[in-house]
Amino acid sequence: MASNVSLLGKVADEYSKIWELRDPRVEGWMFMSSPLPTFLICITYVFLVKFVGPKFMENRKPYEFRNLLIIYNFIQVLFSTWLFYELGMSGWFVGYSFRCQPVDYSDSPLSISMTYACWWYYFSKFTEFFDTFFFVLRKKYQHVSVLHVIHHGIMPMSVWFGVRF
């Protein structure tokens, strides 16, 4: 039992060391205080699209969302275009190297702007969940492949680490 306690202590110590490396500028931003909310949202997404949604739709006709899908896709295109612009104007078009470079943790306007743009990219991963929700509600299960669900299910979590650290 003593080895379990020391193992847990070592894990806690390593976690604390890693947590000290976090970017303090995003402290207090939505979902940035811990990876747990993002993880729980991702698990809920998988549960909804693989179990709850198909069970809910089992004895129902597919929903028709033509106008809603047009609006949703138009908003996603606008959001992605704005995000591309923000990321470009926050660094990639105005001085960032296209090779590896250190993260700028300063409070310069350009650095803060890039940090916000990265958070919005993170947020966009949640808006993309709706693609799968619409597939399920339209009974387009062939589009809800394991790869699709894994990809959308892990993207917010992987981007969380990029924004937080």
N, C-alpha and C. Protein backbone atom coordinates (compact mmCIF):
# COMPACT_ATOMS: atom_id res chain seq x y z
N MET A 1 0.82 -1.20 0.00
CA MET A 1 0.00 0.00 0.00
C MET A 1 0.87 1.26 0.00
N ALA A 2 2.02 1.18 0.66
CA ALA A 2 2.91 2.34 0.73
C ALA A 2 3.41 2.73 -0.65
N SER A 3 3.64 1.73 -1.51
CA SER A 3 4.12 2.05 -2.86
C SER A 3 3.03 2.76 -3.68
N ASN A 4 1.75 2.43 -3.42
CA ASN A 4 0.66 3.12 -4.08
C ASN A 4 0.60 4.58 -3.66
N VAL A 5 0.81 4.84 -2.39
CA VAL A 5 0.79 6.21 -1.89
C VAL A 5 1.93 7.00 -2.50
N SER A 6 3.12 6.39 -2.53
CA SER A 6 4.26 7.11 -3.10
C SER A 6 4.07 7.31 -4.61
N LEU A 7 3.45 6.35 -5.29
CA LEU A 7 3.17 6.51 -6.71
C LEU A 7 2.19 7.65 -6.95
N LEU A 8 1.14 7.71 -6.13
CA LEU A 8 0.18 8.81 -6.24
C LEU A 8 0.83 10.15 -5.94
N GLY A 9 1.71 10.15 -4.95
CA GLY A 9 2.44 11.37 -4.62
C GLY A 9 3.32 11.84 -5.77
N LYS A 10 3.98 10.88 -6.42
CA LYS A 10 4.83 11.21 -7.58
C LYS A 10 3.99 11.76 -8.73
N VAL A 11 2.84 11.13 -8.98
CA VAL A 11 1.95 11.60 -10.04
C VAL A 11 1.48 13.02 -9.73
N ALA A 12 1.09 13.27 -8.48
CA ALA A 12 0.64 14.60 -8.07
C ALA A 12 1.76 15.62 -8.22
N ASP A 13 2.98 15.25 -7.85
CA ASP A 13 4.12 16.15 -7.99
C ASP A 13 4.38 16.49 -9.46
N GLU A 14 4.33 15.48 -10.33
CA GLU A 14 4.56 15.72 -11.75
C GLU A 14 3.46 16.59 -12.34
N TYR A 15 2.21 16.35 -11.93
CA TYR A 15 1.10 17.16 -12.39
C TYR A 15 1.33 18.62 -11.98
N SER A 16 1.75 18.83 -10.74
CA SER A 16 2.00 20.19 -10.26
C SER A 16 3.11 20.87 -11.06
N LYS A 17 4.16 20.13 -11.39
CA LYS A 17 5.25 20.69 -12.18
C LYS A 17 4.76 21.11 -13.57
N ILE A 18 3.96 20.25 -14.18
CA ILE A 18 3.43 20.56 -15.50
C ILE A 18 2.47 21.74 -15.42
N TRP A 19 1.62 21.75 -14.39
CA TRP A 19 0.62 22.82 -14.26
C TRP A 19 1.28 24.18 -14.09
N GLU A 20 2.45 24.21 -13.51
CA GLU A 20 3.19 25.48 -13.33
C GLU A 20 3.62 26.08 -14.67
N LEU A 21 3.65 25.27 -15.72
CA LEU A 21 4.07 25.74 -17.05
C LEU A 21 2.93 26.39 -17.83
N ARG A 22 1.73 26.40 -17.28
CA ARG A 22 0.56 26.91 -18.00
C ARG A 22 0.70 28.41 -18.30
N ASP A 23 -0.06 28.84 -19.28
CA ASP A 23 -0.07 30.24 -19.68
C ASP A 23 -0.99 31.01 -18.73
N PRO A 24 -0.45 31.92 -17.92
CA PRO A 24 -1.28 32.63 -16.95
C PRO A 24 -2.27 33.61 -17.60
N ARG A 25 -2.05 33.96 -18.86
CA ARG A 25 -2.92 34.93 -19.52
C ARG A 25 -4.34 34.39 -19.73
N VAL A 26 -4.51 33.08 -19.76
CA VAL A 26 -5.84 32.52 -20.02
C VAL A 26 -6.54 32.10 -18.72
N GLU A 27 -5.94 32.44 -17.61
CA GLU A 27 -6.55 32.16 -16.30
C GLU A 27 -7.92 32.84 -16.24
N GLY A 28 -8.94 32.09 -15.91
CA GLY A 28 -10.28 32.65 -15.79
C GLY A 28 -11.08 32.64 -17.09
N TRP A 29 -10.45 32.25 -18.20
CA TRP A 29 -11.19 32.17 -19.45
C TRP A 29 -12.07 30.93 -19.44
N MET A 30 -13.18 30.96 -20.15
CA MET A 30 -14.12 29.86 -20.16
C MET A 30 -13.44 28.53 -20.52
N PHE A 31 -13.61 27.54 -19.66
CA PHE A 31 -13.10 26.17 -19.80
C PHE A 31 -11.59 26.05 -19.66
N MET A 32 -10.87 27.09 -19.32
CA MET A 32 -9.42 27.03 -19.26
C MET A 32 -8.86 26.70 -17.88
N SER A 33 -9.69 26.72 -16.85
CA SER A 33 -9.18 26.49 -15.49
C SER A 33 -8.79 25.05 -15.24
N SER A 34 -9.32 24.13 -16.03
CA SER A 34 -9.06 22.71 -15.85
C SER A 34 -9.40 21.98 -17.14
N PRO A 35 -8.73 20.86 -17.42
CA PRO A 35 -9.11 20.08 -18.60
C PRO A 35 -10.42 19.31 -18.40
N LEU A 36 -10.89 19.22 -17.18
CA LEU A 36 -12.06 18.40 -16.87
C LEU A 36 -13.34 18.83 -17.61
N PRO A 37 -13.73 20.11 -17.65
CA PRO A 37 -14.94 20.47 -18.39
C PRO A 37 -14.87 20.07 -19.87
N THR A 38 -13.73 20.31 -20.49
CA THR A 38 -13.57 19.95 -21.90
C THR A 38 -13.67 18.44 -22.07
N PHE A 39 -13.03 17.70 -21.20
CA PHE A 39 -13.07 16.24 -21.25
C PHE A 39 -14.51 15.74 -21.10
N LEU A 40 -15.23 16.30 -20.14
CA LEU A 40 -16.62 15.86 -19.92
C LEU A 40 -17.52 16.20 -21.10
N ILE A 41 -17.32 17.35 -21.71
CA ILE A 41 -18.10 17.73 -22.91
C ILE A 41 -17.79 16.75 -24.04
N CYS A 42 -16.52 16.40 -24.22
CA CYS A 42 -16.14 15.47 -25.28
C CYS A 42 -16.75 14.08 -25.05
N ILE A 43 -16.72 13.61 -23.82
CA ILE A 43 -17.32 12.31 -23.50
C ILE A 43 -18.83 12.36 -23.72
N THR A 44 -19.46 13.46 -23.33
CA THR A 44 -20.90 13.63 -23.53
C THR A 44 -21.23 13.61 -25.02
N TYR A 45 -20.42 14.28 -25.83
CA TYR A 45 -20.61 14.28 -27.28
C TYR A 45 -20.62 12.84 -27.82
N VAL A 46 -19.62 12.06 -27.45
CA VAL A 46 -19.53 10.67 -27.93
C VAL A 46 -20.75 9.88 -27.48
N PHE A 47 -21.13 10.02 -26.22
CA PHE A 47 -22.29 9.32 -25.68
C PHE A 47 -23.57 9.71 -26.44
N LEU A 48 -23.73 10.99 -26.73
CA LEU A 48 -24.93 11.46 -27.43
C LEU A 48 -25.01 10.94 -28.87
N VAL A 49 -23.89 11.00 -29.59
CA VAL A 49 -23.96 10.64 -31.02
C VAL A 49 -23.89 9.14 -31.26
N LYS A 50 -23.35 8.38 -30.31
CA LYS A 50 -23.25 6.94 -30.51
C LYS A 50 -24.35 6.15 -29.81
N PHE A 51 -24.94 6.72 -28.77
CA PHE A 51 -25.94 5.96 -28.00
C PHE A 51 -27.29 6.68 -27.89
N VAL A 52 -27.30 7.84 -27.28
CA VAL A 52 -28.55 8.54 -27.02
C VAL A 52 -29.25 8.94 -28.33
N GLY A 53 -28.52 9.57 -29.23
CA GLY A 53 -29.10 10.03 -30.49
C GLY A 53 -29.71 8.91 -31.32
N PRO A 54 -28.93 7.85 -31.61
CA PRO A 54 -29.52 6.75 -32.38
C PRO A 54 -30.72 6.09 -31.68
N LYS A 55 -30.66 5.97 -30.37
CA LYS A 55 -31.80 5.40 -29.63
C LYS A 55 -33.01 6.33 -29.74
N PHE A 56 -32.79 7.64 -29.61
CA PHE A 56 -33.86 8.63 -29.73
C PHE A 56 -34.50 8.58 -31.12
N MET A 57 -33.68 8.37 -32.15
CA MET A 57 -34.16 8.39 -33.53
C MET A 57 -34.69 7.03 -34.01
N GLU A 58 -34.54 6.03 -33.18
CA GLU A 58 -34.87 4.65 -33.57
C GLU A 58 -36.25 4.51 -34.25
N ASN A 59 -37.29 5.07 -33.68
CA ASN A 59 -38.64 4.94 -34.21
C ASN A 59 -39.19 6.26 -34.74
N ARG A 60 -38.29 7.13 -35.16
CA ARG A 60 -38.69 8.43 -35.70
C ARG A 60 -38.24 8.56 -37.14
N LYS A 61 -38.94 9.38 -37.87
CA LYS A 61 -38.51 9.71 -39.22
C LYS A 61 -37.35 10.70 -39.13
N PRO A 62 -36.48 10.70 -40.13
CA PRO A 62 -35.38 11.68 -40.13
C PRO A 62 -35.93 13.11 -40.16
N TYR A 63 -35.27 13.97 -39.41
CA TYR A 63 -35.66 15.38 -39.42
C TYR A 63 -35.19 16.03 -40.71
N GLU A 64 -35.93 17.03 -41.14
CA GLU A 64 -35.56 17.83 -42.31
C GLU A 64 -35.05 19.17 -41.80
N PHE A 65 -33.81 19.47 -42.11
CA PHE A 65 -33.17 20.69 -41.60
C PHE A 65 -32.59 21.56 -42.71
N ARG A 66 -33.13 21.50 -43.89
CA ARG A 66 -32.50 22.18 -45.02
C ARG A 66 -32.15 23.63 -44.73
N ASN A 67 -33.11 24.44 -44.31
CA ASN A 67 -32.84 25.86 -44.05
C ASN A 67 -31.88 26.04 -42.88
N LEU A 68 -32.07 25.25 -41.84
CA LEU A 68 -31.18 25.34 -40.68
C LEU A 68 -29.74 24.99 -41.07
N LEU A 69 -29.58 23.95 -41.89
CA LEU A 69 -28.24 23.54 -42.32
C LEU A 69 -27.58 24.61 -43.19
N ILE A 70 -28.35 25.26 -44.03
CA ILE A 70 -27.80 26.35 -44.85
C ILE A 70 -27.31 27.47 -43.94
N ILE A 71 -28.11 27.84 -42.97
CA ILE A 71 -27.73 28.91 -42.03
C ILE A 71 -26.51 28.48 -41.20
N TYR A 72 -26.56 27.26 -40.66
CA TYR A 72 -25.45 26.74 -39.85
C TYR A 72 -24.15 26.75 -40.66
N ASN A 73 -24.19 26.21 -41.87
CA ASN A 73 -22.98 26.14 -42.69
C ASN A 73 -22.48 27.54 -43.07
N PHE A 74 -23.39 28.45 -43.35
CA PHE A 74 -23.00 29.83 -43.66
C PHE A 74 -22.30 30.47 -42.46
N ILE A 75 -22.85 30.27 -41.27
CA ILE A 75 -22.23 30.82 -40.05
C ILE A 75 -20.87 30.18 -39.82
N GLN A 76 -20.75 28.87 -40.05
CA GLN A 76 -19.46 28.20 -39.88
C GLN A 76 -18.42 28.75 -40.86
N VAL A 77 -18.83 29.01 -42.08
CA VAL A 77 -17.90 29.58 -43.07
C VAL A 77 -17.47 30.98 -42.64
N LEU A 78 -18.42 31.80 -42.18
CA LEU A 78 -18.07 33.14 -41.70
C LEU A 78 -17.12 33.05 -40.50
N PHE A 79 -17.43 32.18 -39.56
CA PHE A 79 -16.61 32.00 -38.36
C PHE A 79 -15.20 31.56 -38.75
N SER A 80 -15.09 30.59 -39.65
CA SER A 80 -13.78 30.09 -40.08
C SER A 80 -12.99 31.16 -40.83
N THR A 81 -13.68 31.94 -41.65
CA THR A 81 -13.02 33.02 -42.39
C THR A 81 -12.50 34.08 -41.42
N TRP A 82 -13.33 34.46 -40.45
CA TRP A 82 -12.90 35.44 -39.44
C TRP A 82 -11.71 34.89 -38.64
N LEU A 83 -11.77 33.61 -38.29
CA LEU A 83 -10.70 32.98 -37.52
C LEU A 83 -9.39 32.97 -38.31
N PHE A 84 -9.48 32.64 -39.59
CA PHE A 84 -8.30 32.66 -40.45
C PHE A 84 -7.70 34.06 -40.48
N TYR A 85 -8.53 35.06 -40.62
CA TYR A 85 -8.08 36.45 -40.64
C TYR A 85 -7.41 36.81 -39.30
N GLU A 86 -8.06 36.46 -38.20
CA GLU A 86 -7.51 36.79 -36.87
C GLU A 86 -6.17 36.11 -36.64
N LEU A 87 -6.07 34.84 -36.98
CA LEU A 87 -4.80 34.14 -36.80
C LEU A 87 -3.71 34.74 -37.69
N GLY A 88 -4.09 35.11 -38.90
CA GLY A 88 -3.13 35.73 -39.80
C GLY A 88 -2.66 37.08 -39.30
N MET A 89 -3.60 37.93 -38.90
CA MET A 89 -3.26 39.28 -38.46
C MET A 89 -2.66 39.30 -37.05
N SER A 90 -2.77 38.19 -36.34
CA SER A 90 -2.17 38.10 -35.01
C SER A 90 -0.77 37.51 -35.05
N GLY A 91 -0.30 37.16 -36.23
CA GLY A 91 1.04 36.63 -36.28
C GLY A 91 1.49 36.07 -37.61
N TRP A 92 0.71 35.17 -38.20
CA TRP A 92 1.20 34.46 -39.38
C TRP A 92 1.44 35.38 -40.58
N PHE A 93 0.67 36.45 -40.71
CA PHE A 93 0.87 37.36 -41.83
C PHE A 93 1.78 38.54 -41.47
N VAL A 94 2.10 38.70 -40.21
CA VAL A 94 2.81 39.91 -39.77
C VAL A 94 4.07 39.61 -38.94
N GLY A 95 4.77 38.56 -39.30
CA GLY A 95 6.06 38.37 -38.64
C GLY A 95 6.32 37.02 -38.03
N TYR A 96 5.32 36.19 -37.85
CA TYR A 96 5.59 34.85 -37.32
C TYR A 96 6.39 34.07 -38.36
N SER A 97 7.22 33.20 -37.85
CA SER A 97 7.97 32.31 -38.72
C SER A 97 7.09 31.11 -39.07
N PHE A 98 7.24 30.60 -40.26
CA PHE A 98 6.51 29.38 -40.63
C PHE A 98 7.27 28.14 -40.18
N ARG A 99 8.36 28.36 -39.47
CA ARG A 99 9.12 27.28 -38.85
C ARG A 99 8.83 27.35 -37.35
N CYS A 100 9.42 26.46 -36.61
CA CYS A 100 9.23 26.47 -35.16
C CYS A 100 9.80 27.77 -34.57
N GLN A 101 9.12 28.27 -33.57
CA GLN A 101 9.59 29.43 -32.85
C GLN A 101 9.00 29.35 -31.44
N PRO A 102 9.63 29.99 -30.48
CA PRO A 102 9.10 29.93 -29.12
C PRO A 102 7.76 30.67 -29.01
N VAL A 103 6.95 30.24 -28.07
CA VAL A 103 5.68 30.91 -27.80
C VAL A 103 5.98 32.25 -27.16
N ASP A 104 5.28 33.28 -27.59
CA ASP A 104 5.42 34.61 -27.01
C ASP A 104 4.41 34.75 -25.88
N TYR A 105 4.88 34.65 -24.65
CA TYR A 105 4.00 34.73 -23.48
C TYR A 105 3.87 36.16 -22.96
N SER A 106 4.32 37.13 -23.72
CA SER A 106 4.27 38.52 -23.27
C SER A 106 2.83 39.04 -23.34
N ASP A 107 2.66 40.25 -22.84
CA ASP A 107 1.35 40.91 -22.89
C ASP A 107 1.28 41.91 -24.05
N SER A 108 2.11 41.70 -25.06
CA SER A 108 2.07 42.60 -26.22
C SER A 108 0.72 42.43 -26.92
N PRO A 109 0.24 43.49 -27.55
CA PRO A 109 -1.07 43.39 -28.23
C PRO A 109 -1.14 42.24 -29.24
N LEU A 110 -0.06 42.03 -30.00
CA LEU A 110 -0.05 40.95 -30.99
C LEU A 110 -0.14 39.58 -30.32
N SER A 111 0.60 39.41 -29.23
CA SER A 111 0.60 38.14 -28.50
C SER A 111 -0.77 37.86 -27.86
N ILE A 112 -1.36 38.87 -27.27
CA ILE A 112 -2.70 38.72 -26.66
C ILE A 112 -3.73 38.42 -27.75
N SER A 113 -3.60 39.10 -28.88
CA SER A 113 -4.52 38.86 -29.99
C SER A 113 -4.42 37.41 -30.47
N MET A 114 -3.21 36.88 -30.57
CA MET A 114 -3.03 35.48 -30.98
C MET A 114 -3.61 34.54 -29.94
N THR A 115 -3.46 34.88 -28.68
CA THR A 115 -4.01 34.04 -27.62
C THR A 115 -5.54 33.97 -27.72
N TYR A 116 -6.17 35.11 -27.94
CA TYR A 116 -7.62 35.13 -28.13
C TYR A 116 -8.03 34.33 -29.37
N ALA A 117 -7.30 34.49 -30.46
CA ALA A 117 -7.61 33.76 -31.69
C ALA A 117 -7.49 32.25 -31.45
N CYS A 118 -6.49 31.84 -30.70
CA CYS A 118 -6.33 30.41 -30.39
C CYS A 118 -7.49 29.91 -29.55
N TRP A 119 -7.95 30.73 -28.59
CA TRP A 119 -9.10 30.32 -27.78
C TRP A 119 -10.34 30.19 -28.65
N TRP A 120 -10.55 31.09 -29.58
CA TRP A 120 -11.71 31.00 -30.48
C TRP A 120 -11.61 29.77 -31.37
N TYR A 121 -10.40 29.40 -31.77
CA TYR A 121 -10.22 28.16 -32.53
C TYR A 121 -10.64 26.97 -31.67
N TYR A 122 -10.22 26.98 -30.43
CA TYR A 122 -10.63 25.95 -29.46
C TYR A 122 -12.15 25.90 -29.38
N PHE A 123 -12.80 27.04 -29.23
CA PHE A 123 -14.26 27.11 -29.13
C PHE A 123 -14.92 26.56 -30.39
N SER A 124 -14.30 26.81 -31.54
CA SER A 124 -14.88 26.33 -32.81
C SER A 124 -14.99 24.81 -32.86
N LYS A 125 -14.15 24.13 -32.12
CA LYS A 125 -14.21 22.66 -32.11
C LYS A 125 -15.53 22.19 -31.49
N PHE A 126 -16.10 22.97 -30.58
CA PHE A 126 -17.40 22.62 -29.99
C PHE A 126 -18.54 22.91 -30.98
N THR A 127 -18.42 24.00 -31.74
CA THR A 127 -19.48 24.31 -32.70
C THR A 127 -19.54 23.23 -33.78
N GLU A 128 -18.41 22.59 -34.05
CA GLU A 128 -18.37 21.53 -35.07
C GLU A 128 -19.08 20.26 -34.61
N PHE A 129 -19.37 20.12 -33.34
CA PHE A 129 -20.15 18.98 -32.86
C PHE A 129 -21.51 18.93 -33.55
N PHE A 130 -22.04 20.10 -33.90
CA PHE A 130 -23.37 20.15 -34.50
C PHE A 130 -23.44 19.41 -35.83
N ASP A 131 -22.32 19.32 -36.56
CA ASP A 131 -22.31 18.51 -37.78
C ASP A 131 -22.82 17.11 -37.48
N THR A 132 -22.25 16.51 -36.45
CA THR A 132 -22.61 15.14 -36.11
C THR A 132 -24.02 15.06 -35.55
N PHE A 133 -24.42 16.03 -34.74
CA PHE A 133 -25.80 16.03 -34.22
C PHE A 133 -26.79 16.05 -35.38
N PHE A 134 -26.51 16.86 -36.39
CA PHE A 134 -27.40 16.93 -37.55
C PHE A 134 -27.40 15.61 -38.31
N PHE A 135 -26.24 14.96 -38.45
CA PHE A 135 -26.20 13.65 -39.11
C PHE A 135 -27.11 12.66 -38.38
N VAL A 136 -27.01 12.63 -37.07
CA VAL A 136 -27.80 11.68 -36.28
C VAL A 136 -29.28 12.00 -36.42
N LEU A 137 -29.66 13.26 -36.28
CA LEU A 137 -31.07 13.63 -36.36
C LEU A 137 -31.64 13.45 -37.77
N ARG A 138 -30.78 13.40 -38.78
CA ARG A 138 -31.23 13.15 -40.14
C ARG A 138 -31.07 11.68 -40.53
N LYS A 139 -30.62 10.87 -39.57
CA LYS A 139 -30.38 9.43 -39.75
C LYS A 139 -29.37 9.16 -40.87
N LYS A 140 -28.35 9.99 -40.94
CA LYS A 140 -27.27 9.81 -41.91
C LYS A 140 -26.11 9.13 -41.17
N TYR A 141 -26.38 7.95 -40.64
CA TYR A 141 -25.42 7.25 -39.79
C TYR A 141 -24.14 6.86 -40.53
N GLN A 142 -24.19 6.74 -41.84
CA GLN A 142 -22.99 6.40 -42.59
C GLN A 142 -21.94 7.50 -42.47
N HIS A 143 -22.35 8.71 -42.13
CA HIS A 143 -21.41 9.82 -41.94
C HIS A 143 -20.83 9.87 -40.53
N VAL A 144 -21.42 9.09 -39.63
CA VAL A 144 -20.99 9.09 -38.23
C VAL A 144 -20.06 7.88 -38.02
N SER A 145 -18.96 7.88 -38.74
CA SER A 145 -18.01 6.77 -38.64
C SER A 145 -17.23 6.87 -37.33
N VAL A 146 -16.57 5.79 -37.01
CA VAL A 146 -15.72 5.79 -35.81
C VAL A 146 -14.65 6.87 -35.93
N LEU A 147 -14.04 6.98 -37.10
CA LEU A 147 -13.01 8.00 -37.31
C LEU A 147 -13.58 9.41 -37.11
N HIS A 148 -14.77 9.67 -37.65
CA HIS A 148 -15.41 10.98 -37.50
C HIS A 148 -15.63 11.31 -36.03
N VAL A 149 -16.17 10.36 -35.28
CA VAL A 149 -16.47 10.59 -33.86
C VAL A 149 -15.19 10.75 -33.05
N ILE A 150 -14.19 9.93 -33.33
CA ILE A 150 -12.91 10.06 -32.62
C ILE A 150 -12.30 11.42 -32.91
N HIS A 151 -12.28 11.80 -34.18
CA HIS A 151 -11.69 13.09 -34.56
C HIS A 151 -12.37 14.24 -33.82
N HIS A 152 -13.69 14.34 -33.96
CA HIS A 152 -14.40 15.45 -33.32
C HIS A 152 -14.39 15.32 -31.80
N GLY A 153 -14.33 14.10 -31.30
CA GLY A 153 -14.33 13.88 -29.86
C GLY A 153 -13.03 14.26 -29.17
N ILE A 154 -11.91 14.18 -29.89
CA ILE A 154 -10.62 14.50 -29.25
C ILE A 154 -10.09 15.89 -29.60
N MET A 155 -10.60 16.49 -30.66
CA MET A 155 -10.07 17.80 -31.07
C MET A 155 -10.17 18.87 -29.98
N PRO A 156 -11.32 19.05 -29.31
CA PRO A 156 -11.35 20.09 -28.26
C PRO A 156 -10.32 19.83 -27.17
N MET A 157 -10.13 18.56 -26.82
CA MET A 157 -9.18 18.24 -25.76
C MET A 157 -7.76 18.56 -26.19
N SER A 158 -7.40 18.20 -27.42
CA SER A 158 -6.04 18.47 -27.89
C SER A 158 -5.79 19.97 -28.04
N VAL A 159 -6.79 20.71 -28.48
CA VAL A 159 -6.62 22.15 -28.63
C VAL A 159 -6.59 22.84 -27.27
N TRP A 160 -7.30 22.29 -26.28
CA TRP A 160 -7.27 22.84 -24.92
C TRP A 160 -5.83 22.95 -24.43
N PHE A 161 -5.05 21.89 -24.63
CA PHE A 161 -3.66 21.89 -24.18
C PHE A 161 -2.85 22.96 -24.91
N GLY A 162 -3.13 23.17 -26.19
CA GLY A 162 -2.42 24.21 -26.94
C GLY A 162 -2.71 25.59 -26.41
N VAL A 163 -3.96 25.87 -26.05
CA VAL A 163 -4.32 27.19 -25.53
C VAL A 163 -3.81 27.35 -24.10
N ARG A 164 -3.97 26.34 -23.30
CA ARG A 164 -3.61 26.43 -21.87
C ARG A 164 -2.11 26.52 -21.67
N PHE A 165 -1.32 25.88 -22.52
CA PHE A 165 0.12 25.86 -22.33
C PHE A 165 0.87 26.60 -23.43
